[in-house]
Amino acid sequence: MTSLVKQLWNSPMGIKTTHFWGPVANWGFVLAGLWDLNKDPENVSGAMTTALCVYSGLFMRFAWRVKPRNYLLLVCHMANETVQLYHLQRKIRYELNKKEKKKEAIPA
């Protein structure tokens, strides 16, 4: 193996550690969120989306505070936070529009 490959292999953040595989697995959340971007906001779960926002927020802090810093995990959760906040605002706008339409439909 070359020197660089050996260094990456034996790194505390290397491919044979959970510091690498944890973030790789977490990219599934981001991909699922991106997959749902064009779906109807009626199908977005406000509770689950909020939970994922809190989860990613906590793990962004963890990724920053852990030694050595886990930048891969940080970026993964930053991406997930962005996607989930977008879904959350879609859900809130949908619910507010639904309430407005109900008010308009009720005759005075």
C-alpha atoms as a PDB file:
ATOM      1  CA  MET A   1       0.000   0.000   0.000  1.00  0.00           C
ATOM      2  CA  THR A   2       1.119   3.501  -0.621  1.00  0.00           C
ATOM      3  CA  SER A   3       1.886   5.818   2.238  1.00  0.00           C
ATOM      4  CA  LEU A   4      -1.313   7.856   1.756  1.00  0.00           C
ATOM      5  CA  VAL A   5      -3.526   4.763   1.643  1.00  0.00           C
ATOM      6  CA  LYS A   6      -1.890   3.390   4.807  1.00  0.00           C
ATOM      7  CA  GLN A   7      -2.356   6.720   6.524  1.00  0.00           C
ATOM      8  CA  LEU A   8      -6.058   6.856   5.587  1.00  0.00           C
ATOM      9  CA  TRP A   9      -6.565   3.220   6.555  1.00  0.00           C
ATOM     10  CA  ASN A  10      -5.007   3.668  10.005  1.00  0.00           C
ATOM     11  CA  SER A  11      -6.528   7.106  10.674  1.00  0.00           C
ATOM     12  CA  PRO A  12      -8.788   7.506  13.736  1.00  0.00           C
ATOM     13  CA  MET A  13     -11.443   8.657  11.236  1.00  0.00           C
ATOM     14  CA  GLY A  14     -10.586   5.967   8.670  1.00  0.00           C
ATOM     15  CA  ILE A  15     -12.703   3.527   6.757  1.00  0.00           C
ATOM     16  CA  LYS A  16     -12.509   0.848   9.434  1.00  0.00           C
ATOM     17  CA  THR A  17     -14.094   3.031  12.154  1.00  0.00           C
ATOM     18  CA  THR A  18     -17.610   4.063  13.133  1.00  0.00           C
ATOM     19  CA  HIS A  19     -16.485   7.670  12.576  1.00  0.00           C
ATOM     20  CA  PHE A  20     -16.634   6.796   8.883  1.00  0.00           C
ATOM     21  CA  TRP A  21     -19.495   4.289   8.607  1.00  0.00           C
ATOM     22  CA  GLY A  22     -21.904   6.185  10.879  1.00  0.00           C
ATOM     23  CA  PRO A  23     -22.032   9.231   8.607  1.00  0.00           C
ATOM     24  CA  VAL A  24     -22.142   7.049   5.507  1.00  0.00           C
ATOM     25  CA  ALA A  25     -25.269   5.334   6.863  1.00  0.00           C
ATOM     26  CA  ASN A  26     -26.804   8.680   7.880  1.00  0.00           C
ATOM     27  CA  TRP A  27     -26.667   9.921   4.299  1.00  0.00           C
ATOM     28  CA  GLY A  28     -29.690   7.655   3.835  1.00  0.00           C
ATOM     29  CA  PHE A  29     -31.784  10.235   5.713  1.00  0.00           C
ATOM     30  CA  VAL A  30     -30.621  12.964   3.360  1.00  0.00           C
ATOM     31  CA  LEU A  31     -31.288  10.879   0.255  1.00  0.00           C
ATOM     32  CA  ALA A  32     -34.769   9.938   1.507  1.00  0.00           C
ATOM     33  CA  GLY A  33     -35.524  13.599   2.198  1.00  0.00           C
ATOM     34  CA  LEU A  34     -34.345  14.615  -1.248  1.00  0.00           C
ATOM     35  CA  TRP A  35     -36.428  11.844  -2.792  1.00  0.00           C
ATOM     36  CA  ASP A  36     -39.533  13.293  -1.078  1.00  0.00           C
ATOM     37  CA  LEU A  37     -39.033  16.881  -2.275  1.00  0.00           C
ATOM     38  CA  ASN A  38     -41.624  16.604  -5.043  1.00  0.00           C
ATOM     39  CA  LYS A  39     -44.189  14.675  -3.025  1.00  0.00           C
ATOM     40  CA  ASP A  40     -47.342  16.288  -1.733  1.00  0.00           C
ATOM     41  CA  PRO A  41     -46.790  18.140   1.583  1.00  0.00           C
ATOM     42  CA  GLU A  42     -49.983  16.508   2.846  1.00  0.00           C
ATOM     43  CA  ASN A  43     -47.943  13.316   3.227  1.00  0.00           C
ATOM     44  CA  VAL A  44     -45.186  14.960   5.297  1.00  0.00           C
ATOM     45  CA  SER A  45     -45.299  14.005   8.966  1.00  0.00           C
ATOM     46  CA  GLY A  46     -44.795  17.143  11.018  1.00  0.00           C
ATOM     47  CA  ALA A  47     -43.858  15.159  14.131  1.00  0.00           C
ATOM     48  CA  MET A  48     -41.294  12.971  12.359  1.00  0.00           C
ATOM     49  CA  THR A  49     -39.795  15.893  10.465  1.00  0.00           C
ATOM     50  CA  THR A  50     -39.462  17.853  13.716  1.00  0.00           C
ATOM     51  CA  ALA A  51     -37.840  14.831  15.372  1.00  0.00           C
ATOM     52  CA  LEU A  52     -35.331  14.537  12.510  1.00  0.00           C
ATOM     53  CA  CYS A  53     -34.526  18.260  12.826  1.00  0.00           C
ATOM     54  CA  VAL A  54     -33.819  17.868  16.547  1.00  0.00           C
ATOM     55  CA  TYR A  55     -31.825  14.673  15.902  1.00  0.00           C
ATOM     56  CA  SER A  56     -29.636  16.321  13.276  1.00  0.00           C
ATOM     57  CA  GLY A  57     -29.166  19.417  15.420  1.00  0.00           C
ATOM     58  CA  LEU A  58     -27.940  17.315  18.341  1.00  0.00           C
ATOM     59  CA  PHE A  59     -25.625  15.241  16.202  1.00  0.00           C
ATOM     60  CA  MET A  60     -24.161  18.314  14.511  1.00  0.00           C
ATOM     61  CA  ARG A  61     -23.100  19.449  17.982  1.00  0.00           C
ATOM     62  CA  PHE A  62     -21.775  15.973  18.776  1.00  0.00           C
ATOM     63  CA  ALA A  63     -19.790  15.847  15.524  1.00  0.00           C
ATOM     64  CA  TRP A  64     -18.219  19.197  16.367  1.00  0.00           C
ATOM     65  CA  ARG A  65     -17.416  18.357  20.002  1.00  0.00           C
ATOM     66  CA  VAL A  66     -16.085  14.800  19.596  1.00  0.00           C
ATOM     67  CA  LYS A  67     -12.317  14.373  19.384  1.00  0.00           C
ATOM     68  CA  PRO A  68     -11.168  14.067  16.669  1.00  0.00           C
ATOM     69  CA  ARG A  69     -13.825  16.244  15.041  1.00  0.00           C
ATOM     70  CA  ASN A  70     -15.997  14.285  12.673  1.00  0.00           C
ATOM     71  CA  TYR A  71     -16.466  16.603   9.705  1.00  0.00           C
ATOM     72  CA  LEU A  72     -18.122  13.892   7.622  1.00  0.00           C
ATOM     73  CA  LEU A  73     -20.839  13.477  10.261  1.00  0.00           C
ATOM     74  CA  LEU A  74     -21.173  17.250  10.632  1.00  0.00           C
ATOM     75  CA  VAL A  75     -21.718  17.803   6.912  1.00  0.00           C
ATOM     76  CA  CYS A  76     -24.140  14.880   6.731  1.00  0.00           C
ATOM     77  CA  HIS A  77     -26.315  16.303   9.514  1.00  0.00           C
ATOM     78  CA  MET A  78     -26.082  19.833   8.124  1.00  0.00           C
ATOM     79  CA  ALA A  79     -27.474  18.509   4.853  1.00  0.00           C
ATOM     80  CA  ASN A  80     -30.186  16.552   6.649  1.00  0.00           C
ATOM     81  CA  GLU A  81     -31.125  19.591   8.769  1.00  0.00           C
ATOM     82  CA  THR A  82     -31.489  21.671   5.604  1.00  0.00           C
ATOM     83  CA  VAL A  83     -33.684  19.100   3.873  1.00  0.00           C
ATOM     84  CA  GLN A  84     -35.860  18.496   6.951  1.00  0.00           C
ATOM     85  CA  LEU A  85     -36.347  22.212   7.642  1.00  0.00           C
ATOM     86  CA  TYR A  86     -37.458  22.633   4.038  1.00  0.00           C
ATOM     87  CA  HIS A  87     -40.000  19.818   4.483  1.00  0.00           C
ATOM     88  CA  LEU A  88     -41.177  21.324   7.766  1.00  0.00           C
ATOM     89  CA  GLN A  89     -41.840  24.720   6.188  1.00  0.00           C
ATOM     90  CA  ARG A  90     -43.703  22.988   3.333  1.00  0.00           C
ATOM     91  CA  LYS A  91     -45.902  21.180   5.874  1.00  0.00           C
ATOM     92  CA  ILE A  92     -46.594  24.379   7.861  1.00  0.00           C
ATOM     93  CA  ARG A  93     -47.516  26.314   4.698  1.00  0.00           C
ATOM     94  CA  TYR A  94     -49.770  23.473   3.588  1.00  0.00           C
ATOM     95  CA  GLU A  95     -51.589  23.404   6.961  1.00  0.00           C
ATOM     96  CA  LEU A  96     -51.994  27.192   7.016  1.00  0.00           C
ATOM     97  CA  ASN A  97     -53.383  27.200   3.458  1.00  0.00           C
ATOM     98  CA  LYS A  98     -55.763  24.392   4.384  1.00  0.00           C
ATOM     99  CA  LYS A  99     -57.098  26.443   7.318  1.00  0.00           C
ATOM    100  CA  GLU A 100     -57.537  29.502   5.083  1.00  0.00           C
ATOM    101  CA  LYS A 101     -59.503  27.491   2.538  1.00  0.00           C
ATOM    102  CA  LYS A 102     -61.782  26.150   5.292  1.00  0.00           C
ATOM    103  CA  LYS A 103     -62.462  29.724   6.509  1.00  0.00           C
ATOM    104  CA  GLU A 104     -63.259  30.838   2.966  1.00  0.00           C
ATOM    105  CA  ALA A 105     -65.610  27.892   2.440  1.00  0.00           C
ATOM    106  CA  ILE A 106     -67.712  28.699   5.525  1.00  0.00           C
ATOM    107  CA  PRO A 107     -70.428  31.182   4.525  1.00  0.00           C
ATOM    108  CA  ALA A 108     -70.748  34.214   6.794  1.00  0.00           C
END
